[in-house]
């Protein structure tokens, strides 16, 4: 009832060489890394411009996109730079909130 013909066909299925699989994985990873680099560069640049204009709310949003993005490698250290600038912005936001509040807080900050 069962044919040996189908089991012989299974032996002839295409098996890609390991080199081809490795090359395809390398190309995919490289493409992702290059794409992520341009996305990070764009978000960092927009965030940095907002940072320079003292628009820390917008800057932090763009820096977060860089920081939270998954990458194989941090080319040009955009994630590290974004963390640094985000920290500076958060300090500025905190200082503004403190200074815009109760006048007693202003005296405490200046001491």
PDB file of N, CA and C in Angstrom:
ATOM      1  N   UNK A   1       0.805  -1.178   0.000  1.00  0.00           N
ATOM      2  CA  UNK A   1       0.000   0.000   0.000  1.00  0.00           C
ATOM      3  C   UNK A   1       0.856   1.253   0.000  1.00  0.00           C
ATOM      4  N   UNK A   2       1.892   1.292   0.821  1.00  0.00           N
ATOM      5  CA  UNK A   2       2.744   2.459   0.880  1.00  0.00           C
ATOM      6  C   UNK A   2       3.821   2.349  -0.177  1.00  0.00           C
ATOM      7  N   UNK A   3       4.050   3.428  -0.831  1.00  0.00           N
ATOM      8  CA  UNK A   3       5.036   3.438  -1.902  1.00  0.00           C
ATOM      9  C   UNK A   3       6.375   3.915  -1.364  1.00  0.00           C
ATOM     10  N   UNK A   4       7.414   3.321  -1.826  1.00  0.00           N
ATOM     11  CA  UNK A   4       8.750   3.777  -1.461  1.00  0.00           C
ATOM     12  C   UNK A   4       9.155   4.968  -2.308  1.00  0.00           C
ATOM     13  N   UNK A   5       8.347   5.271  -3.313  1.00  0.00           N
ATOM     14  CA  UNK A   5       8.630   6.385  -4.206  1.00  0.00           C
ATOM     15  C   UNK A   5       8.625   7.720  -3.447  1.00  0.00           C
ATOM     16  N   UNK A   6       7.676   7.921  -2.520  1.00  0.00           N
ATOM     17  CA  UNK A   6       7.599   9.173  -1.768  1.00  0.00           C
ATOM     18  C   UNK A   6       8.782   9.336  -0.825  1.00  0.00           C
ATOM     19  N   UNK A   7       9.268   8.255  -0.241  1.00  0.00           N
ATOM     20  CA  UNK A   7      10.433   8.366   0.632  1.00  0.00           C
ATOM     21  C   UNK A   7      11.689   8.656  -0.172  1.00  0.00           C
ATOM     22  N   UNK A   8      11.735   8.230  -1.408  1.00  0.00           N
ATOM     23  CA  UNK A   8      12.884   8.551  -2.255  1.00  0.00           C
ATOM     24  C   UNK A   8      12.849  10.018  -2.655  1.00  0.00           C
ATOM     25  N   UNK A   9      11.658  10.578  -2.863  1.00  0.00           N
ATOM     26  CA  UNK A   9      11.546  11.993  -3.204  1.00  0.00           C
ATOM     27  C   UNK A   9      11.986  12.878  -2.045  1.00  0.00           C
ATOM     28  N   UNK A  10      11.743  12.444  -0.842  1.00  0.00           N
ATOM     29  CA  UNK A  10      12.136  13.217   0.338  1.00  0.00           C
ATOM     30  C   UNK A  10      13.649  13.374   0.402  1.00  0.00           C
ATOM     31  N   UNK A  11      14.388  12.421  -0.103  1.00  0.00           N
ATOM     32  CA  UNK A  11      15.852  12.500  -0.090  1.00  0.00           C
ATOM     33  C   UNK A  11      16.356  13.557  -1.061  1.00  0.00           C
ATOM     34  N   UNK A  12      15.541  13.909  -2.043  1.00  0.00           N
ATOM     35  CA  UNK A  12      15.973  14.854  -3.068  1.00  0.00           C
ATOM     36  C   UNK A  12      15.517  16.280  -2.785  1.00  0.00           C
ATOM     37  N   UNK A  13      14.992  16.552  -1.594  1.00  0.00           N
ATOM     38  CA  UNK A  13      14.597  17.902  -1.243  1.00  0.00           C
ATOM     39  C   UNK A  13      15.831  18.790  -1.183  1.00  0.00           C
ATOM     40  N   UNK A  14      15.627  20.057  -1.543  1.00  0.00           N
ATOM     41  CA  UNK A  14      16.738  21.007  -1.564  1.00  0.00           C
ATOM     42  C   UNK A  14      17.185  21.331  -0.143  1.00  0.00           C
ATOM     43  N   UNK A  15      18.445  21.164   0.111  1.00  0.00           N
ATOM     44  CA  UNK A  15      19.045  21.555   1.388  1.00  0.00           C
ATOM     45  C   UNK A  15      20.100  22.609   1.073  1.00  0.00           C
ATOM     46  N   UNK A  16      19.847  23.856   1.492  1.00  0.00           N
ATOM     47  CA  UNK A  16      20.820  24.901   1.165  1.00  0.00           C
ATOM     48  C   UNK A  16      22.125  24.683   1.922  1.00  0.00           C
ATOM     49  N   UNK A  17      23.231  24.991   1.273  1.00  0.00           N
ATOM     50  CA  UNK A  17      24.515  24.860   1.973  1.00  0.00           C
ATOM     51  C   UNK A  17      24.585  25.848   3.137  1.00  0.00           C
ATOM     52  N   UNK A  18      25.285  25.460   4.152  1.00  0.00           N
ATOM     53  CA  UNK A  18      25.403  26.287   5.363  1.00  0.00           C
ATOM     54  C   UNK A  18      26.003  27.656   5.048  1.00  0.00           C
ATOM     55  N   UNK A  19      26.852  27.725   4.058  1.00  0.00           N
ATOM     56  CA  UNK A  19      27.458  28.997   3.662  1.00  0.00           C
ATOM     57  C   UNK A  19      26.392  29.965   3.146  1.00  0.00           C
ATOM     58  N   UNK A  20      25.429  29.434   2.387  1.00  0.00           N
ATOM     59  CA  UNK A  20      24.353  30.269   1.856  1.00  0.00           C
ATOM     60  C   UNK A  20      23.469  30.788   2.989  1.00  0.00           C
ATOM     61  N   UNK A  21      23.156  29.944   3.921  1.00  0.00           N
ATOM     62  CA  UNK A  21      22.351  30.345   5.078  1.00  0.00           C
ATOM     63  C   UNK A  21      23.093  31.419   5.880  1.00  0.00           C
ATOM     64  N   UNK A  22      24.375  31.207   6.097  1.00  0.00           N
ATOM     65  CA  UNK A  22      25.175  32.180   6.844  1.00  0.00           C
ATOM     66  C   UNK A  22      25.242  33.509   6.103  1.00  0.00           C
ATOM     67  N   UNK A  23      25.404  33.458   4.788  1.00  0.00           N
ATOM     68  CA  UNK A  23      25.463  34.683   3.996  1.00  0.00           C
ATOM     69  C   UNK A  23      24.138  35.443   4.073  1.00  0.00           C
ATOM     70  N   UNK A  24      23.029  34.742   3.981  1.00  0.00           N
ATOM     71  CA  UNK A  24      21.724  35.391   4.067  1.00  0.00           C
ATOM     72  C   UNK A  24      21.496  36.016   5.437  1.00  0.00           C
ATOM     73  N   UNK A  25      21.910  35.335   6.482  1.00  0.00           N
ATOM     74  CA  UNK A  25      21.794  35.900   7.834  1.00  0.00           C
ATOM     75  C   UNK A  25      22.670  37.142   7.987  1.00  0.00           C
ATOM     76  N   UNK A  26      23.874  37.084   7.433  1.00  0.00           N
ATOM     77  CA  UNK A  26      24.793  38.218   7.493  1.00  0.00           C
ATOM     78  C   UNK A  26      24.215  39.430   6.754  1.00  0.00           C
ATOM     79  N   UNK A  27      23.664  39.199   5.568  1.00  0.00           N
ATOM     80  CA  UNK A  27      23.074  40.285   4.787  1.00  0.00           C
ATOM     81  C   UNK A  27      21.877  40.886   5.533  1.00  0.00           C
ATOM     82  N   UNK A  28      21.045  40.046   6.117  1.00  0.00           N
ATOM     83  CA  UNK A  28      19.883  40.535   6.864  1.00  0.00           C
ATOM     84  C   UNK A  28      20.318  41.363   8.079  1.00  0.00           C
ATOM     85  N   UNK A  29      21.302  40.859   8.811  1.00  0.00           N
ATOM     86  CA  UNK A  29      21.787  41.582   9.995  1.00  0.00           C
ATOM     87  C   UNK A  29      22.438  42.903   9.603  1.00  0.00           C
ATOM     88  N   UNK A  30      23.197  42.883   8.524  1.00  0.00           N
ATOM     89  CA  UNK A  30      23.849  44.112   8.059  1.00  0.00           C
ATOM     90  C   UNK A  30      22.817  45.133   7.615  1.00  0.00           C
ATOM     91  N   UNK A  31      21.817  44.678   6.887  1.00  0.00           N
ATOM     92  CA  UNK A  31      20.758  45.581   6.446  1.00  0.00           C
ATOM     93  C   UNK A  31      20.020  46.197   7.616  1.00  0.00           C
ATOM     94  N   UNK A  32      19.730  45.390   8.628  1.00  0.00           N
ATOM     95  CA  UNK A  32      19.050  45.900   9.820  1.00  0.00           C
ATOM     96  C   UNK A  32      19.930  46.929  10.530  1.00  0.00           C
ATOM     97  N   UNK A  33      21.220  46.625  10.651  1.00  0.00           N
ATOM     98  CA  UNK A  33      22.146  47.528  11.347  1.00  0.00           C
ATOM     99  C   UNK A  33      22.244  48.869  10.629  1.00  0.00           C
ATOM    100  N   UNK A  34      22.340  48.844   9.318  1.00  0.00           N
ATOM    101  CA  UNK A  34      22.414  50.094   8.548  1.00  0.00           C
ATOM    102  C   UNK A  34      21.109  50.870   8.686  1.00  0.00           C
ATOM    103  N   UNK A  35      19.990  50.185   8.580  1.00  0.00           N
ATOM    104  CA  UNK A  35      18.701  50.853   8.748  1.00  0.00           C
ATOM    105  C   UNK A  35      18.555  51.466  10.124  1.00  0.00           C
ATOM    106  N   UNK A  36      18.934  50.715  11.156  1.00  0.00           N
ATOM    107  CA  UNK A  36      18.854  51.210  12.536  1.00  0.00           C
ATOM    108  C   UNK A  36      19.757  52.422  12.728  1.00  0.00           C
ATOM    109  N   UNK A  37      20.934  52.413  12.073  1.00  0.00           N
ATOM    110  CA  UNK A  37      21.861  53.535  12.161  1.00  0.00           C
ATOM    111  C   UNK A  37      21.198  54.816  11.653  1.00  0.00           C
ATOM    112  N   UNK A  38      20.550  54.739  10.486  1.00  0.00           N
ATOM    113  CA  UNK A  38      19.917  55.930   9.926  1.00  0.00           C
ATOM    114  C   UNK A  38      18.721  56.383  10.759  1.00  0.00           C
ATOM    115  N   UNK A  39      17.972  55.455  11.312  1.00  0.00           N
ATOM    116  CA  UNK A  39      16.857  55.813  12.193  1.00  0.00           C
ATOM    117  C   UNK A  39      17.384  56.498  13.452  1.00  0.00           C
ATOM    118  N   UNK A  40      18.444  55.927  14.046  1.00  0.00           N
ATOM    119  CA  UNK A  40      19.039  56.526  15.244  1.00  0.00           C
ATOM    120  C   UNK A  40      19.608  57.912  14.946  1.00  0.00           C
ATOM    121  N   UNK A  41      20.296  58.045  13.817  1.00  0.00           N
ATOM    122  CA  UNK A  41      20.889  59.334  13.442  1.00  0.00           C
ATOM    123  C   UNK A  41      19.808  60.391  13.290  1.00  0.00           C
ATOM    124  N   UNK A  42      18.713  60.032  12.631  1.00  0.00           N
ATOM    125  CA  UNK A  42      17.618  60.973  12.427  1.00  0.00           C
ATOM    126  C   UNK A  42      16.980  61.366  13.760  1.00  0.00           C
ATOM    127  N   UNK A  43      16.656  60.395  14.601  1.00  0.00           N
ATOM    128  CA  UNK A  43      16.028  60.707  15.886  1.00  0.00           C
ATOM    129  C   UNK A  43      16.967  61.496  16.787  1.00  0.00           C
ATOM    130  N   UNK A  44      18.251  61.159  16.777  1.00  0.00           N
ATOM    131  CA  UNK A  44      19.198  61.903  17.610  1.00  0.00           C
ATOM    132  C   UNK A  44      19.309  63.351  17.131  1.00  0.00           C
ATOM    133  N   UNK A  45      19.382  63.551  15.826  1.00  0.00           N
ATOM    134  CA  UNK A  45      19.511  64.902  15.278  1.00  0.00           C
ATOM    135  C   UNK A  45      18.291  65.755  15.625  1.00  0.00           C
ATOM    136  N   UNK A  46      17.101  65.187  15.465  1.00  0.00           N
ATOM    137  CA  UNK A  46      15.880  65.925  15.813  1.00  0.00           C
ATOM    138  C   UNK A  46      15.857  66.218  17.315  1.00  0.00           C
ATOM    139  N   UNK A  47      16.218  65.221  18.127  1.00  0.00           N
ATOM    140  CA  UNK A  47      16.267  65.417  19.573  1.00  0.00           C
ATOM    141  C   UNK A  47      17.285  66.466  19.977  1.00  0.00           C
ATOM    142  N   UNK A  48      18.435  66.451  19.324  1.00  0.00           N
ATOM    143  CA  UNK A  48      19.494  67.414  19.655  1.00  0.00           C
ATOM    144  C   UNK A  48      19.072  68.840  19.287  1.00  0.00           C
ATOM    145  N   UNK A  49      18.389  68.984  18.152  1.00  0.00           N
ATOM    146  CA  UNK A  49      17.893  70.318  17.772  1.00  0.00           C
ATOM    147  C   UNK A  49      16.876  70.814  18.797  1.00  0.00           C
ATOM    148  N   UNK A  50      15.992  69.935  19.237  1.00  0.00           N
ATOM    149  CA  UNK A  50      15.024  70.317  20.273  1.00  0.00           C
ATOM    150  C   UNK A  50      15.753  70.667  21.567  1.00  0.00           C
ATOM    151  N   UNK A  51      16.786  69.901  21.905  1.00  0.00           N
ATOM    152  CA  UNK A  51      17.608  70.151  23.093  1.00  0.00           C
ATOM    153  C   UNK A  51      18.250  71.540  23.009  1.00  0.00           C
ATOM    154  N   UNK A  52      18.801  71.862  21.857  1.00  0.00           N
ATOM    155  CA  UNK A  52      19.437  73.174  21.673  1.00  0.00           C
ATOM    156  C   UNK A  52      18.435  74.317  21.776  1.00  0.00           C
ATOM    157  N   UNK A  53      17.178  74.040  21.429  1.00  0.00           N
ATOM    158  CA  UNK A  53      16.126  75.051  21.516  1.00  0.00           C
ATOM    159  C   UNK A  53      15.411  75.019  22.863  1.00  0.00           C
ATOM    160  N   UNK A  54      15.957  74.266  23.812  1.00  0.00           N
ATOM    161  CA  UNK A  54      15.412  74.138  25.167  1.00  0.00           C
ATOM    162  C   UNK A  54      14.001  73.556  25.173  1.00  0.00           C
ATOM    163  N   UNK A  55      13.674  72.743  24.168  1.00  0.00           N
ATOM    164  CA  UNK A  55      12.400  72.033  24.129  1.00  0.00           C
ATOM    165  C   UNK A  55      12.670  70.604  24.601  1.00  0.00           C
ATOM    166  N   UNK A  56      12.854  70.472  25.897  1.00  0.00           N
ATOM    167  CA  UNK A  56      13.282  69.191  26.451  1.00  0.00           C
ATOM    168  C   UNK A  56      12.222  68.106  26.352  1.00  0.00           C
ATOM    169  N   UNK A  57      10.954  68.482  26.338  1.00  0.00           N
ATOM    170  CA  UNK A  57       9.905  67.471  26.205  1.00  0.00           C
ATOM    171  C   UNK A  57      10.029  66.764  24.861  1.00  0.00           C
ATOM    172  N   UNK A  58      10.198  67.523  23.791  1.00  0.00           N
ATOM    173  CA  UNK A  58      10.367  66.935  22.456  1.00  0.00           C
ATOM    174  C   UNK A  58      11.704  66.205  22.363  1.00  0.00           C
ATOM    175  N   UNK A  59      12.741  66.783  22.946  1.00  0.00           N
ATOM    176  CA  UNK A  59      14.070  66.172  22.887  1.00  0.00           C
ATOM    177  C   UNK A  59      14.070  64.803  23.557  1.00  0.00           C
ATOM    178  N   UNK A  60      13.488  64.718  24.745  1.00  0.00           N
ATOM    179  CA  UNK A  60      13.458  63.452  25.486  1.00  0.00           C
ATOM    180  C   UNK A  60      12.694  62.391  24.701  1.00  0.00           C
ATOM    181  N   UNK A  61      11.608  62.783  24.038  1.00  0.00           N
ATOM    182  CA  UNK A  61      10.832  61.821  23.244  1.00  0.00           C
ATOM    183  C   UNK A  61      11.691  61.221  22.131  1.00  0.00           C
ATOM    184  N   UNK A  62      12.481  62.045  21.456  1.00  0.00           N
ATOM    185  CA  UNK A  62      13.345  61.535  20.382  1.00  0.00           C
ATOM    186  C   UNK A  62      14.537  60.768  20.941  1.00  0.00           C
ATOM    187  N   UNK A  63      15.087  61.236  22.031  1.00  0.00           N
ATOM    188  CA  UNK A  63      16.203  60.504  22.645  1.00  0.00           C
ATOM    189  C   UNK A  63      15.745  59.128  23.111  1.00  0.00           C
ATOM    190  N   UNK A  64      14.518  59.040  23.630  1.00  0.00           N
ATOM    191  CA  UNK A  64      13.981  57.734  24.049  1.00  0.00           C
ATOM    192  C   UNK A  64      13.879  56.759  22.879  1.00  0.00           C
ATOM    193  N   UNK A  65      13.518  57.264  21.707  1.00  0.00           N
ATOM    194  CA  UNK A  65      13.451  56.395  20.523  1.00  0.00           C
ATOM    195  C   UNK A  65      14.827  55.805  20.202  1.00  0.00           C
ATOM    196  N   UNK A  66      15.854  56.605  20.385  1.00  0.00           N
ATOM    197  CA  UNK A  66      17.219  56.110  20.145  1.00  0.00           C
ATOM    198  C   UNK A  66      17.614  55.117  21.233  1.00  0.00           C
ATOM    199  N   UNK A  67      17.365  55.465  22.465  1.00  0.00           N
ATOM    200  CA  UNK A  67      17.772  54.631  23.600  1.00  0.00           C
ATOM    201  C   UNK A  67      17.051  53.293  23.582  1.00  0.00           C
ATOM    202  N   UNK A  68      15.754  53.304  23.274  1.00  0.00           N
ATOM    203  CA  UNK A  68      14.943  52.088  23.343  1.00  0.00           C
ATOM    204  C   UNK A  68      15.044  51.205  22.101  1.00  0.00           C
ATOM    205  N   UNK A  69      15.639  51.712  21.041  1.00  0.00           N
ATOM    206  CA  UNK A  69      15.752  50.925  19.813  1.00  0.00           C
ATOM    207  C   UNK A  69      16.739  49.774  19.975  1.00  0.00           C
ATOM    208  N   UNK A  70      16.347  48.591  19.467  1.00  0.00           N
ATOM    209  CA  UNK A  70      17.237  47.433  19.567  1.00  0.00           C
ATOM    210  C   UNK A  70      18.203  47.465  18.401  1.00  0.00           C
ATOM    211  N   UNK A  71      19.468  47.176  18.682  1.00  0.00           N
ATOM    212  CA  UNK A  71      20.494  47.199  17.642  1.00  0.00           C
ATOM    213  C   UNK A  71      21.566  46.171  17.938  1.00  0.00           C
ATOM    214  N   UNK A  72      22.220  45.701  16.878  1.00  0.00           N
ATOM    215  CA  UNK A  72      23.357  44.789  17.046  1.00  0.00           C
ATOM    216  C   UNK A  72      24.564  45.558  17.569  1.00  0.00           C
ATOM    217  N   UNK A  73      24.747  46.777  17.062  1.00  0.00           N
ATOM    218  CA  UNK A  73      25.893  47.597  17.456  1.00  0.00           C
ATOM    219  C   UNK A  73      25.450  49.056  17.486  1.00  0.00           C
ATOM    220  N   UNK A  74      25.966  49.822  18.427  1.00  0.00           N
ATOM    221  CA  UNK A  74      25.643  51.240  18.556  1.00  0.00           C
ATOM    222  C   UNK A  74      26.650  52.038  17.730  1.00  0.00           C
ATOM    223  N   UNK A  75      26.391  52.119  16.436  1.00  0.00           N
ATOM    224  CA  UNK A  75      27.287  52.848  15.551  1.00  0.00           C
ATOM    225  C   UNK A  75      27.241  54.329  15.876  1.00  0.00           C
ATOM    226  N   UNK A  76      28.380  54.940  15.942  1.00  0.00           N
ATOM    227  CA  UNK A  76      28.542  56.361  16.292  1.00  0.00           C
ATOM    228  C   UNK A  76      28.037  56.699  17.684  1.00  0.00           C
ATOM    229  N   UNK A  77      27.778  55.705  18.502  1.00  0.00           N
ATOM    230  CA  UNK A  77      27.398  55.897  19.906  1.00  0.00           C
ATOM    231  C   UNK A  77      26.169  56.777  20.099  1.00  0.00           C
ATOM    232  N   UNK A  78      25.204  56.687  19.179  1.00  0.00           N
ATOM    233  CA  UNK A  78      24.012  57.511  19.304  1.00  0.00           C
ATOM    234  C   UNK A  78      23.229  57.194  20.576  1.00  0.00           C
ATOM    235  N   UNK A  79      23.144  55.931  20.958  1.00  0.00           N
ATOM    236  CA  UNK A  79      22.400  55.578  22.174  1.00  0.00           C
ATOM    237  C   UNK A  79      23.071  56.175  23.405  1.00  0.00           C
ATOM    238  N   UNK A  80      24.382  56.115  23.468  1.00  0.00           N
ATOM    239  CA  UNK A  80      25.112  56.688  24.610  1.00  0.00           C
ATOM    240  C   UNK A  80      24.949  58.207  24.660  1.00  0.00           C
ATOM    241  N   UNK A  81      25.060  58.842  23.499  1.00  0.00           N
ATOM    242  CA  UNK A  81      24.893  60.295  23.447  1.00  0.00           C
ATOM    243  C   UNK A  81      23.467  60.698  23.825  1.00  0.00           C
ATOM    244  N   UNK A  82      22.492  59.926  23.361  1.00  0.00           N
ATOM    245  CA  UNK A  82      21.099  60.223  23.678  1.00  0.00           C
ATOM    246  C   UNK A  82      20.844  60.091  25.183  1.00  0.00           C
ATOM    247  N   UNK A  83      21.433  59.078  25.816  1.00  0.00           N
ATOM    248  CA  UNK A  83      21.281  58.923  27.275  1.00  0.00           C
ATOM    249  C   UNK A  83      21.838  60.136  28.003  1.00  0.00           C
ATOM    250  N   UNK A  84      22.990  60.608  27.550  1.00  0.00           N
ATOM    251  CA  UNK A  84      23.635  61.753  28.190  1.00  0.00           C
ATOM    252  C   UNK A  84      22.781  63.014  28.041  1.00  0.00           C
ATOM    253  N   UNK A  85      22.323  63.285  26.834  1.00  0.00           N
ATOM    254  CA  UNK A  85      21.513  64.491  26.594  1.00  0.00           C
ATOM    255  C   UNK A  85      20.150  64.383  27.283  1.00  0.00           C
ATOM    256  N   UNK A  86      19.577  63.187  27.320  1.00  0.00           N
ATOM    257  CA  UNK A  86      18.298  63.002  28.013  1.00  0.00           C
ATOM    258  C   UNK A  86      18.465  63.324  29.491  1.00  0.00           C
ATOM    259  N   UNK A  87      19.548  62.857  30.095  1.00  0.00           N
ATOM    260  CA  UNK A  87      19.807  63.123  31.504  1.00  0.00           C
ATOM    261  C   UNK A  87      19.910  64.627  31.759  1.00  0.00           C
ATOM    262  N   UNK A  88      20.603  65.327  30.871  1.00  0.00           N
ATOM    263  CA  UNK A  88      20.731  66.776  31.024  1.00  0.00           C
ATOM    264  C   UNK A  88      19.370  67.458  30.895  1.00  0.00           C
ATOM    265  N   UNK A  89      18.560  66.989  29.954  1.00  0.00           N
ATOM    266  CA  UNK A  89      17.222  67.564  29.780  1.00  0.00           C
ATOM    267  C   UNK A  89      16.338  67.305  30.996  1.00  0.00           C
ATOM    268  N   UNK A  90      16.401  66.090  31.528  1.00  0.00           N
ATOM    269  CA  UNK A  90      15.589  65.779  32.709  1.00  0.00           C
ATOM    270  C   UNK A  90      15.997  66.644  33.890  1.00  0.00           C
ATOM    271  N   UNK A  91      17.294  66.916  34.023  1.00  0.00           N
ATOM    272  CA  UNK A  91      17.760  67.817  35.087  1.00  0.00           C
ATOM    273  C   UNK A  91      17.216  69.228  34.865  1.00  0.00           C
ATOM    274  N   UNK A  92      17.202  69.664  33.619  1.00  0.00           N
ATOM    275  CA  UNK A  92      16.686  70.996  33.304  1.00  0.00           C
ATOM    276  C   UNK A  92      15.186  71.079  33.576  1.00  0.00           C
ATOM    277  N   UNK A  93      14.450  70.050  33.187  1.00  0.00           N
ATOM    278  CA  UNK A  93      13.008  70.017  33.447  1.00  0.00           C
ATOM    279  C   UNK A  93      12.745  70.065  34.950  1.00  0.00           C
ATOM    280  N   UNK A  94      13.514  69.304  35.711  1.00  0.00           N
ATOM    281  CA  UNK A  94      13.350  69.281  37.166  1.00  0.00           C
ATOM    282  C   UNK A  94      13.649  70.649  37.770  1.00  0.00           C
ATOM    283  N   UNK A  95      14.705  71.284  37.284  1.00  0.00           N
ATOM    284  CA  UNK A  95      15.063  72.608  37.794  1.00  0.00           C
ATOM    285  C   UNK A  95      13.980  73.625  37.453  1.00  0.00           C
ATOM    286  N   UNK A  96      13.454  73.561  36.242  1.00  0.00           N
ATOM    287  CA  UNK A  96      12.385  74.496  35.862  1.00  0.00           C
ATOM    288  C   UNK A  96      11.146  74.300  36.725  1.00  0.00           C
ATOM    289  N   UNK A  97      10.797  73.058  36.987  1.00  0.00           N
ATOM    290  CA  UNK A  97       9.625  72.777  37.831  1.00  0.00           C
ATOM    291  C   UNK A  97       9.848  73.295  39.243  1.00  0.00           C
ATOM    292  N   UNK A  98      11.058  73.118  39.740  1.00  0.00           N
ATOM    293  CA  UNK A  98      11.370  73.593  41.086  1.00  0.00           C
ATOM    294  C   UNK A  98      11.323  75.111  41.144  1.00  0.00           C
ATOM    295  N   UNK A  99      11.905  75.777  40.136  1.00  0.00           N
ATOM    296  CA  UNK A  99      11.957  77.233  40.135  1.00  0.00           C
ATOM    297  C   UNK A  99      10.598  77.873  39.862  1.00  0.00           C
ATOM    298  N   UNK A 100       9.720  77.176  39.168  1.00  0.00           N
ATOM    299  CA  UNK A 100       8.425  77.764  38.854  1.00  0.00           C
ATOM    300  C   UNK A 100       7.411  77.548  39.969  1.00  0.00           C
ATOM    301  N   UNK A 101       7.804  76.837  40.989  1.00  0.00           N
ATOM    302  CA  UNK A 101       6.883  76.540  42.086  1.00  0.00           C
ATOM    303  C   UNK A 101       6.923  77.594  43.162  1.00  0.00           C
ATOM    304  N   UNK A 102       6.867  77.161  44.349  1.00  0.00           N
ATOM    305  CA  UNK A 102       6.844  77.998  45.546  1.00  0.00           C
ATOM    306  C   UNK A 102       8.160  78.788  45.649  1.00  0.00           C
ATOM    307  N   UNK A 103       8.100  80.109  45.941  1.00  0.00           N
ATOM    308  CA  UNK A 103       9.320  80.903  46.077  1.00  0.00           C
ATOM    309  C   UNK A 103      10.303  80.345  47.118  1.00  0.00           C
ATOM    310  N   UNK A 104       9.813  79.622  48.080  1.00  0.00           N
ATOM    311  CA  UNK A 104      10.716  79.028  49.082  1.00  0.00           C
ATOM    312  C   UNK A 104      11.619  77.990  48.403  1.00  0.00           C
ATOM    313  N   UNK A 105      11.072  77.257  47.442  1.00  0.00           N
ATOM    314  CA  UNK A 105      11.898  76.275  46.710  1.00  0.00           C
ATOM    315  C   UNK A 105      13.018  76.962  45.954  1.00  0.00           C
ATOM    316  N   UNK A 106      12.773  78.148  45.421  1.00  0.00           N
ATOM    317  CA  UNK A 106      13.817  78.876  44.692  1.00  0.00           C
ATOM    318  C   UNK A 106      14.961  79.187  45.640  1.00  0.00           C
ATOM    319  N   UNK A 107      14.646  79.602  46.846  1.00  0.00           N
ATOM    320  CA  UNK A 107      15.697  79.913  47.829  1.00  0.00           C
ATOM    321  C   UNK A 107      16.477  78.641  48.161  1.00  0.00           C
ATOM    322  N   UNK A 108      15.779  77.502  48.299  1.00  0.00           N
ATOM    323  CA  UNK A 108      16.460  76.246  48.627  1.00  0.00           C
ATOM    324  C   UNK A 108      17.390  75.823  47.507  1.00  0.00           C
ATOM    325  N   UNK A 109      16.994  76.019  46.252  1.00  0.00           N
ATOM    326  CA  UNK A 109      17.817  75.627  45.106  1.00  0.00           C
ATOM    327  C   UNK A 109      19.064  76.496  45.043  1.00  0.00           C
ATOM    328  N   UNK A 110      18.927  77.779  45.372  1.00  0.00           N
ATOM    329  CA  UNK A 110      20.058  78.699  45.270  1.00  0.00           C
ATOM    330  C   UNK A 110      21.071  78.498  46.383  1.00  0.00           C
ATOM    331  N   UNK A 111      20.674  77.894  47.485  1.00  0.00           N
ATOM    332  CA  UNK A 111      21.594  77.742  48.623  1.00  0.00           C
ATOM    333  C   UNK A 111      22.617  76.733  48.364  1.00  0.00           C
TER     334      UNK A 111
END
